[in-house]
Amino acid sequence: MTDRDRILKAVDRLADALAELAYTDRISSRPDIRMLLTPDEPTSTEVRHMHAVGLTPEMAELLAEAAERLIASRSVPQPPDPFNAQVFALAKPELAAEINNAFAGIDLTEITRAVLADPDPHNRMTVTRALDDMFGDIPQEAEDDE
């Protein structure tokens, strides 16, 4: 597909969406706002890609609000995904779901309680150090059996 074909397709798609929006739940009877969509410098063979879309003031306001929300959402920086998890999830959705399910059932609090209840004091100290590494230094009472 050439760049020009992409432009023409995008103009047509936007015009179709706006036309559908203009007639969905129309509040007032007549569109008072006319929007003209064309590819830049249309040729005589591309006249079919020129669109006049009528919008009511209410629909124009809704469209403006949607555009403002889109602008705001795009300006928020997205956190980096160093492991390309989103790409992986799209490429292998079944495996991604399986992995999520496997980790969803893990309760770190329960695991920590189980290890701390272990009679071997070395395990308790390992868990305490791991918690300190994750959450900062956690004050603890001195243990008699060390």
Protein backbone atom coordinates (compact mmCIF):
# COMPACT_ATOMS: atom_id res chain seq x y z
CA MET A 1 0.00 0.00 0.00
CA THR A 2 1.44 3.36 -0.97
CA ASP A 3 1.48 6.40 1.32
CA ARG A 4 -1.21 8.00 -0.83
CA ASP A 5 -3.42 4.92 -0.49
CA ARG A 6 -2.98 5.06 3.28
CA ILE A 7 -3.99 8.72 3.30
CA LEU A 8 -7.09 8.08 1.20
CA LYS A 9 -8.07 5.11 3.35
CA ALA A 10 -7.59 7.13 6.54
CA VAL A 11 -9.73 10.01 5.23
CA ASP A 12 -12.51 7.61 4.24
CA ARG A 13 -12.38 5.78 7.58
CA LEU A 14 -12.49 9.02 9.57
CA ALA A 15 -15.37 10.33 7.46
CA ASP A 16 -17.34 7.09 7.97
CA ALA A 17 -16.81 7.22 11.73
CA LEU A 18 -17.80 10.88 11.95
CA ALA A 19 -20.87 10.32 9.80
CA GLU A 20 -21.96 7.47 12.05
CA LEU A 21 -21.35 9.65 15.11
CA ALA A 22 -23.35 12.48 13.56
CA TYR A 23 -26.46 10.31 13.24
CA THR A 24 -26.13 8.36 16.49
CA ASP A 25 -28.41 9.67 19.24
CA ARG A 26 -28.91 12.94 17.38
CA ILE A 27 -30.17 15.50 19.89
CA SER A 28 -31.08 18.40 17.65
CA SER A 29 -32.85 17.97 14.34
CA ARG A 30 -30.39 19.58 11.96
CA PRO A 31 -26.60 19.54 11.79
CA ASP A 32 -25.43 23.15 12.13
CA ILE A 33 -21.74 22.39 11.73
CA ARG A 34 -20.27 21.17 8.48
CA MET A 35 -16.85 19.53 8.42
CA LEU A 36 -15.07 19.00 5.13
CA LEU A 37 -12.57 16.15 4.97
CA THR A 38 -10.31 15.72 1.99
CA PRO A 39 -6.87 14.40 1.30
CA ASP A 40 -4.50 17.31 0.84
CA GLU A 41 -4.67 18.58 -2.73
CA PRO A 42 -7.16 15.97 -4.02
CA THR A 43 -6.91 15.10 -7.70
CA SER A 44 -9.93 14.86 -9.97
CA THR A 45 -9.83 11.06 -9.70
CA GLU A 46 -9.98 11.29 -5.90
CA VAL A 47 -13.22 13.25 -5.64
CA ARG A 48 -14.87 10.22 -4.09
CA HIS A 49 -12.52 10.70 -1.10
CA MET A 50 -13.94 14.16 -0.33
CA HIS A 51 -16.49 14.13 2.48
CA ALA A 52 -18.79 16.73 4.02
CA VAL A 53 -19.92 15.60 7.46
CA GLY A 54 -22.71 17.38 9.29
CA LEU A 55 -22.53 17.60 13.07
CA THR A 56 -24.88 19.04 15.63
CA PRO A 57 -23.34 21.35 18.23
CA GLU A 58 -23.84 18.58 20.81
CA MET A 59 -21.94 16.06 18.68
CA ALA A 60 -19.20 18.59 17.97
CA GLU A 61 -18.80 19.11 21.74
CA LEU A 62 -18.64 15.33 22.32
CA LEU A 63 -16.07 14.98 19.56
CA ALA A 64 -13.99 17.83 21.02
CA GLU A 65 -14.10 16.21 24.48
CA ALA A 66 -13.02 12.86 23.04
CA ALA A 67 -10.13 14.52 21.20
CA GLU A 68 -9.07 16.32 24.39
CA ARG A 69 -9.11 13.02 26.34
CA LEU A 70 -7.04 11.41 23.60
CA ILE A 71 -4.52 14.25 23.74
CA ALA A 72 -4.32 13.98 27.53
CA SER A 73 -3.89 10.20 27.49
CA ARG A 74 -1.11 10.39 24.90
CA SER A 75 0.77 13.04 26.89
CA VAL A 76 1.06 10.77 29.93
CA PRO A 77 4.37 8.91 29.65
CA GLN A 78 3.95 5.17 29.47
CA PRO A 79 6.17 3.12 31.76
CA PRO A 80 8.88 1.23 29.93
CA ASP A 81 8.29 -2.44 29.27
CA PRO A 82 11.83 -3.85 29.31
CA PHE A 83 10.65 -7.42 28.78
CA ASN A 84 8.17 -6.58 25.99
CA ALA A 85 5.38 -8.20 28.00
CA GLN A 86 2.67 -6.52 25.93
CA VAL A 87 4.20 -7.80 22.70
CA PHE A 88 4.49 -11.28 24.22
CA ALA A 89 0.88 -11.20 25.46
CA LEU A 90 -0.36 -10.24 22.00
CA ALA A 91 1.77 -12.87 20.28
CA LYS A 92 0.96 -15.72 22.68
CA PRO A 93 -2.27 -14.85 24.53
CA GLU A 94 -2.92 -18.39 25.81
CA LEU A 95 0.54 -18.72 27.36
CA ALA A 96 0.36 -15.20 28.81
CA ALA A 97 -2.99 -16.04 30.43
CA GLU A 98 -1.53 -19.26 31.84
CA ILE A 99 1.41 -17.38 33.35
CA ASN A 100 -0.89 -14.72 34.84
CA ASN A 101 -3.09 -17.42 36.36
CA ALA A 102 -0.08 -19.17 37.88
CA PHE A 103 1.10 -16.00 39.61
CA ALA A 104 -2.37 -14.72 40.50
CA GLY A 105 -2.79 -17.52 43.04
CA ILE A 106 0.41 -16.73 44.92
CA ASP A 107 -0.18 -15.07 48.28
CA LEU A 108 3.10 -13.58 49.49
CA THR A 109 1.66 -12.92 52.93
CA GLU A 110 0.71 -16.58 53.35
CA ILE A 111 4.11 -17.77 52.12
CA THR A 112 5.85 -15.37 54.52
CA ARG A 113 3.72 -16.57 57.45
CA ALA A 114 4.46 -20.20 56.59
CA VAL A 115 8.21 -19.60 56.47
CA LEU A 116 8.18 -17.51 59.65
CA ALA A 117 6.30 -20.32 61.40
CA ASP A 118 9.05 -22.75 60.37
CA PRO A 119 10.90 -24.03 63.45
CA ASP A 120 14.31 -23.48 61.78
CA PRO A 121 15.43 -19.94 62.79
CA HIS A 122 17.64 -19.59 59.69
CA ASN A 123 14.54 -19.56 57.47
CA ARG A 124 12.99 -16.79 59.56
CA MET A 125 16.11 -14.67 59.20
CA THR A 126 16.17 -15.23 55.41
CA VAL A 127 12.57 -14.06 55.14
CA THR A 128 13.25 -11.06 57.37
CA ARG A 129 16.21 -10.05 55.19
CA ALA A 130 14.13 -10.46 52.03
CA LEU A 131 11.39 -8.28 53.52
CA ASP A 132 14.00 -5.69 54.51
CA ASP A 133 15.32 -5.70 50.93
CA MET A 134 11.81 -5.18 49.54
CA PHE A 135 10.34 -2.72 52.06
CA GLY A 136 13.25 -1.22 53.97
CA ASP A 137 14.49 -2.04 57.42
CA ILE A 138 11.75 -3.58 59.55
CA PRO A 139 12.45 -3.31 63.28
CA GLN A 140 12.38 -6.71 64.91
CA GLU A 141 12.67 -8.08 68.38
CA ALA A 142 15.83 -9.99 69.19
CA GLU A 143 15.44 -13.72 68.89
CA ASP A 144 16.55 -15.79 71.87
CA ASP A 145 17.46 -18.93 69.94
CA GLU A 146 20.23 -17.42 67.73
